[in-house]
Amino acid sequence: MPTECTNALSAYYIHLGYGQVSIVVLSVAVLYWLMSFVIMYWIKLQERRARSIHQAEIINNNEEFDRSNSIEDDGSGNIGVKSVIFPVFVKVMWLNSFVNIIVGVLLITIEDPDTYDHPTLRSTIVYSIIWGMQHFLIEGVAFLLMQKGLGVNSALKAVKWGIVWGAITAWMKFSTYYYTTQSANGYRLVWEIVLILFYLFLWICPQKHFYRRPAAVTYGAWWFCFRLISLISAVFLTRRQTRSVGSCVYIYAPMFIFSILQPYVIYYALLLDSL
């Protein structure tokens, strides 16, 4: 199994019109597309349901009508569906879907630097940008949940810090791919440790010492667990003797888990913040 994991990203190819792509990479790309479409379809479905419920209330005026578990009354006369997030958060999810679609396209059209000892500059830049875009969104949501409001200033602060972290992430990946040295592996480990400490802090730090909205605690707990697995794979990948094991951990844990659950985790955190 370890040997198969090492070769998984560079073997088992299928031929497409422009070239060939490994089955593992193609599977991950399809999962990015599928999960993004599923989440956005769910949001649109719940929005339509909310409108239908609101229209039914208007028609029935003050008459009693069935309120299922999906209905919540906030006491102000406004009726909302518990599965609908704030409009500003819907934009975040649309951006997330757009990024994931772009990432899926790039995965199957640009060779993966992890499959080469000396990857091309083009693939190194593209994959570094992919990582930067993804972490701009993931950590950007965390920064957003750390703000005291949902106004323009709060959103701009979250975007600013998201861009900064996305750039740092892109630089880290570029160094790892381009230099392929122990120092580059060190960059990756430092980056992983910073992230895992950040999410641990987001999760367990007492509220009186560090303000963040309740949804950020759940968000931090989930990503802490994910980053712990990612850190384990990164440690294994730094040494030649354990690289094959690290490849197994990376492919069958962070790689597939991320593509499947990343949109849902972001959506669920934004949903919690919308209730």
Protein backbone atom coordinates (compact mmCIF):
# COMPACT_ATOMS: atom_id res chain seq x y z
CA MET A 1 0.00 0.00 0.00
CA PRO A 2 2.69 2.65 0.84
CA THR A 3 4.38 2.09 -2.53
CA GLU A 4 1.05 2.41 -4.29
CA CYS A 5 0.40 5.66 -2.43
CA THR A 6 3.73 7.08 -3.54
CA ASN A 7 2.86 6.35 -7.17
CA ALA A 8 -0.82 7.25 -6.94
CA LEU A 9 -0.33 10.83 -8.16
CA SER A 10 1.96 9.84 -11.02
CA ALA A 11 0.42 6.53 -12.16
CA TYR A 12 -2.97 5.10 -13.18
CA TYR A 13 -3.50 7.71 -15.85
CA ILE A 14 -6.45 8.15 -18.13
CA HIS A 15 -6.05 9.97 -21.45
CA LEU A 16 -7.99 13.14 -22.15
CA GLY A 17 -8.10 15.17 -25.35
CA TYR A 18 -5.23 17.45 -24.33
CA GLY A 19 -3.14 14.91 -22.45
CA GLN A 20 -3.43 12.59 -19.49
CA VAL A 21 -4.36 12.89 -15.82
CA SER A 22 -4.11 10.48 -12.91
CA ILE A 23 -7.32 8.93 -11.61
CA VAL A 24 -6.61 10.22 -8.09
CA VAL A 25 -6.25 13.83 -9.23
CA LEU A 26 -9.29 13.58 -11.51
CA SER A 27 -11.34 12.14 -8.63
CA VAL A 28 -10.37 15.04 -6.37
CA ALA A 29 -11.22 17.58 -9.10
CA VAL A 30 -14.65 16.01 -9.62
CA LEU A 31 -15.28 16.06 -5.87
CA TYR A 32 -14.48 19.78 -5.77
CA TRP A 33 -17.04 20.43 -8.50
CA LEU A 34 -19.67 18.10 -7.09
CA MET A 35 -19.57 19.35 -3.50
CA SER A 36 -19.64 22.99 -4.59
CA PHE A 37 -22.72 22.39 -6.74
CA VAL A 38 -24.42 20.39 -3.97
CA ILE A 39 -23.92 23.14 -1.38
CA MET A 40 -25.09 25.93 -3.68
CA TYR A 41 -28.09 23.89 -4.80
CA TRP A 42 -28.99 23.32 -1.14
CA ILE A 43 -28.78 27.04 -0.40
CA LYS A 44 -31.01 27.93 -3.36
CA LEU A 45 -33.47 25.19 -2.35
CA GLN A 46 -33.72 26.56 1.19
CA GLU A 47 -34.12 30.11 -0.09
CA ARG A 48 -37.06 29.02 -2.24
CA ARG A 49 -38.55 27.20 0.74
CA ALA A 50 -38.20 30.31 2.88
CA ARG A 51 -40.00 32.41 0.27
CA SER A 52 -42.79 29.83 0.02
CA ILE A 53 -43.25 29.82 3.79
CA HIS A 54 -43.31 33.60 3.92
CA GLN A 55 -45.89 33.75 1.15
CA ALA A 56 -48.00 31.15 2.94
CA GLU A 57 -47.95 33.28 6.08
CA ILE A 58 -49.07 36.33 4.16
CA ILE A 59 -51.93 34.39 2.56
CA ASN A 60 -53.06 32.93 5.86
CA ASN A 61 -52.58 36.27 7.58
CA ASN A 62 -53.04 35.59 11.28
CA GLU A 63 -54.35 32.07 10.87
CA GLU A 64 -52.42 29.24 12.46
CA PHE A 65 -50.41 27.12 10.10
CA ASP A 66 -48.04 24.23 10.50
CA ARG A 67 -44.58 25.23 11.67
CA SER A 68 -42.16 22.39 11.02
CA ASN A 69 -38.75 22.00 12.68
CA SER A 70 -37.23 23.97 9.83
CA ILE A 71 -39.01 27.15 10.94
CA GLU A 72 -37.72 29.58 13.48
CA ASP A 73 -39.47 32.66 14.85
CA ASP A 74 -37.07 35.23 16.24
CA GLY A 75 -39.82 36.99 18.19
CA SER A 76 -39.97 39.97 15.87
CA GLY A 77 -42.49 38.50 13.49
CA ASN A 78 -39.81 37.49 10.99
CA ILE A 79 -39.90 33.90 9.87
CA GLY A 80 -36.72 32.25 8.68
CA VAL A 81 -35.65 28.86 7.54
CA LYS A 82 -32.97 27.42 9.77
CA SER A 83 -30.96 26.16 6.82
CA VAL A 84 -30.61 29.60 5.18
CA ILE A 85 -27.51 31.70 5.82
CA PHE A 86 -27.27 35.49 5.76
CA PRO A 87 -27.15 37.02 2.24
CA VAL A 88 -23.59 38.23 2.78
CA PHE A 89 -22.58 34.66 3.64
CA VAL A 90 -24.21 33.37 0.46
CA LYS A 91 -21.72 35.52 -1.43
CA VAL A 92 -18.91 33.83 0.49
CA MET A 93 -20.25 30.43 -0.55
CA TRP A 94 -20.54 31.52 -4.19
CA LEU A 95 -16.92 32.67 -4.05
CA ASN A 96 -15.97 29.35 -2.48
CA SER A 97 -17.74 27.44 -5.25
CA PHE A 98 -16.07 29.58 -7.92
CA VAL A 99 -12.62 28.97 -6.44
CA ASN A 100 -13.25 25.22 -6.16
CA ILE A 101 -14.39 25.01 -9.78
CA ILE A 102 -11.26 26.85 -10.91
CA VAL A 103 -9.11 24.61 -8.71
CA GLY A 104 -10.72 21.51 -10.23
CA VAL A 105 -9.99 22.73 -13.74
CA LEU A 106 -6.36 23.53 -12.90
CA LEU A 107 -5.86 20.14 -11.23
CA ILE A 108 -6.67 18.25 -14.43
CA THR A 109 -4.92 20.60 -16.84
CA ILE A 110 -1.62 21.34 -15.04
CA GLU A 111 0.79 18.61 -13.97
CA ASP A 112 1.05 18.08 -10.21
CA PRO A 113 4.47 19.23 -8.86
CA ASP A 114 4.33 16.47 -6.24
CA THR A 115 4.87 13.90 -8.99
CA TYR A 116 8.26 15.29 -10.08
CA ASP A 117 11.61 15.72 -8.36
CA HIS A 118 12.13 18.89 -10.39
CA PRO A 119 8.68 20.31 -11.26
CA THR A 120 8.23 22.94 -13.94
CA LEU A 121 8.02 26.59 -12.97
CA ARG A 122 4.51 26.78 -14.44
CA SER A 123 3.13 23.94 -12.32
CA THR A 124 4.92 25.28 -9.25
CA ILE A 125 3.34 28.72 -9.64
CA VAL A 126 -0.14 27.36 -10.45
CA TYR A 127 -0.27 24.96 -7.52
CA SER A 128 1.09 27.61 -5.17
CA ILE A 129 -1.73 29.91 -6.29
CA ILE A 130 -4.26 27.09 -5.74
CA TRP A 131 -3.14 26.70 -2.14
CA GLY A 132 -3.14 30.47 -1.65
CA MET A 133 -6.72 30.85 -2.95
CA GLN A 134 -8.03 28.00 -0.83
CA HIS A 135 -6.50 29.27 2.38
CA PHE A 136 -7.53 32.84 1.63
CA LEU A 137 -11.10 31.50 1.86
CA ILE A 138 -10.72 29.04 4.74
CA GLU A 139 -8.82 31.30 7.08
CA GLY A 140 -10.73 34.30 5.71
CA VAL A 141 -13.93 32.80 7.12
CA ALA A 142 -12.19 32.36 10.48
CA PHE A 143 -11.10 36.02 10.40
CA LEU A 144 -14.68 37.01 9.54
CA LEU A 145 -16.05 35.09 12.54
CA MET A 146 -13.55 36.92 14.75
CA GLN A 147 -15.10 40.30 13.93
CA LYS A 148 -17.70 42.00 16.15
CA GLY A 149 -19.99 42.82 13.27
CA LEU A 150 -20.94 41.99 9.69
CA GLY A 151 -20.55 45.44 8.21
CA VAL A 152 -18.29 46.61 5.41
CA ASN A 153 -15.38 47.38 7.73
CA SER A 154 -15.51 43.93 9.31
CA ALA A 155 -15.63 42.26 5.91
CA LEU A 156 -12.70 44.36 4.65
CA LYS A 157 -10.61 43.41 7.68
CA ALA A 158 -11.32 39.72 7.09
CA VAL A 159 -10.47 40.06 3.40
CA LYS A 160 -7.25 41.92 4.19
CA TRP A 161 -6.00 39.29 6.61
CA GLY A 162 -7.21 36.52 4.30
CA ILE A 163 -5.14 37.96 1.45
CA VAL A 164 -2.08 38.24 3.68
CA TRP A 165 -2.38 34.63 4.81
CA GLY A 166 -3.15 33.43 1.29
CA ALA A 167 0.05 35.10 0.06
CA ILE A 168 2.08 33.52 2.88
CA THR A 169 0.60 30.12 2.01
CA ALA A 170 1.40 30.54 -1.68
CA TRP A 171 4.98 31.49 -0.83
CA MET A 172 5.31 28.46 1.44
CA LYS A 173 4.10 26.08 -1.28
CA PHE A 174 6.28 27.71 -3.92
CA SER A 175 9.32 27.23 -1.67
CA THR A 176 8.41 23.61 -1.01
CA TYR A 177 7.96 22.79 -4.70
CA TYR A 178 10.75 24.91 -6.16
CA TYR A 179 13.62 24.35 -3.77
CA THR A 180 12.80 20.77 -2.67
CA THR A 181 15.28 20.98 0.22
CA GLN A 182 15.11 20.31 3.94
CA SER A 183 14.73 24.03 4.55
CA ALA A 184 11.69 24.05 2.27
CA ASN A 185 10.23 21.15 4.26
CA GLY A 186 10.90 23.23 7.34
CA TYR A 187 8.77 26.04 5.89
CA ARG A 188 5.92 23.58 5.44
CA LEU A 189 6.21 22.33 9.01
CA VAL A 190 6.29 25.87 10.44
CA TRP A 191 3.22 26.75 8.36
CA GLU A 192 1.39 23.64 9.58
CA ILE A 193 2.27 24.36 13.21
CA VAL A 194 1.15 28.00 12.94
CA LEU A 195 -2.19 26.88 11.50
CA ILE A 196 -2.79 24.16 14.06
CA LEU A 197 -2.01 26.57 16.92
CA PHE A 198 -4.29 29.19 15.38
CA TYR A 199 -7.24 26.80 15.22
CA LEU A 200 -6.51 25.43 18.68
CA PHE A 201 -6.56 29.01 19.96
CA LEU A 202 -9.80 29.69 18.05
CA TRP A 203 -11.33 26.58 19.60
CA ILE A 204 -10.37 26.59 23.28
CA CYS A 205 -9.26 30.10 24.23
CA PRO A 206 -11.60 31.61 26.89
CA GLN A 207 -14.02 34.11 25.39
CA LYS A 208 -13.04 36.78 27.93
CA HIS A 209 -9.49 36.76 26.61
CA PHE A 210 -10.23 36.45 22.91
CA TYR A 211 -13.45 37.57 21.26
CA ARG A 212 -14.95 35.53 18.45
CA ARG A 213 -18.51 34.58 17.61
CA PRO A 214 -19.77 31.16 18.83
CA ALA A 215 -19.65 29.67 15.33
CA ALA A 216 -15.89 30.27 15.29
CA VAL A 217 -15.43 27.78 18.14
CA THR A 218 -17.00 24.94 16.13
CA TYR A 219 -15.10 26.06 13.04
CA GLY A 220 -11.83 26.07 14.98
CA ALA A 221 -12.44 22.62 16.49
CA TRP A 222 -13.06 21.00 13.11
CA TRP A 223 -10.08 22.55 11.37
CA PHE A 224 -7.82 21.80 14.33
CA CYS A 225 -8.58 18.08 13.94
CA PHE A 226 -8.04 18.30 10.19
CA ARG A 227 -4.77 20.19 10.54
CA LEU A 228 -3.52 17.63 13.06
CA ILE A 229 -3.84 14.90 10.42
CA SER A 230 -2.22 17.19 7.86
CA LEU A 231 0.69 17.90 10.23
CA ILE A 232 1.26 14.16 10.72
CA SER A 233 1.44 13.61 6.96
CA ALA A 234 3.79 16.61 6.59
CA VAL A 235 6.15 15.19 9.22
CA PHE A 236 6.26 11.83 7.43
CA LEU A 237 6.83 13.51 4.06
CA THR A 238 9.94 15.33 5.30
CA ARG A 239 11.95 12.10 5.63
CA ARG A 240 12.78 9.74 2.80
CA GLN A 241 12.29 6.68 5.02
CA THR A 242 8.67 7.61 5.84
CA ARG A 243 7.70 9.48 2.67
CA SER A 244 5.59 6.61 1.33
CA VAL A 245 3.60 6.47 4.58
CA GLY A 246 3.18 10.24 4.48
CA SER A 247 1.84 9.96 0.93
CA CYS A 248 -0.79 7.46 2.10
CA VAL A 249 -1.87 9.69 4.97
CA TYR A 250 -1.98 12.76 2.71
CA ILE A 251 -3.93 11.18 -0.17
CA TYR A 252 -6.48 9.20 1.79
CA ALA A 253 -7.01 11.73 4.57
CA PRO A 254 -6.38 15.48 3.98
CA MET A 255 -6.63 15.35 0.19
CA PHE A 256 -9.99 13.57 -0.10
CA ILE A 257 -11.45 14.80 3.20
CA PHE A 258 -10.72 18.39 2.21
CA SER A 259 -12.35 18.12 -1.22
CA ILE A 260 -15.48 16.50 0.23
CA LEU A 261 -16.04 18.42 3.47
CA GLN A 262 -14.45 21.84 2.95
CA PRO A 263 -17.56 23.51 1.41
CA TYR A 264 -19.83 21.90 4.02
CA VAL A 265 -17.66 22.96 6.98
CA ILE A 266 -17.65 26.57 5.77
CA TYR A 267 -21.40 26.47 5.10
CA TYR A 268 -22.18 24.95 8.50
CA ALA A 269 -20.10 27.58 10.32
CA LEU A 270 -21.84 30.39 8.43
CA LEU A 271 -25.20 28.74 9.12
CA LEU A 272 -24.49 28.63 12.86
CA ASP A 273 -23.58 32.31 12.72
CA SER A 274 -26.84 33.08 10.91
CA LEU A 275 -29.18 31.51 13.49
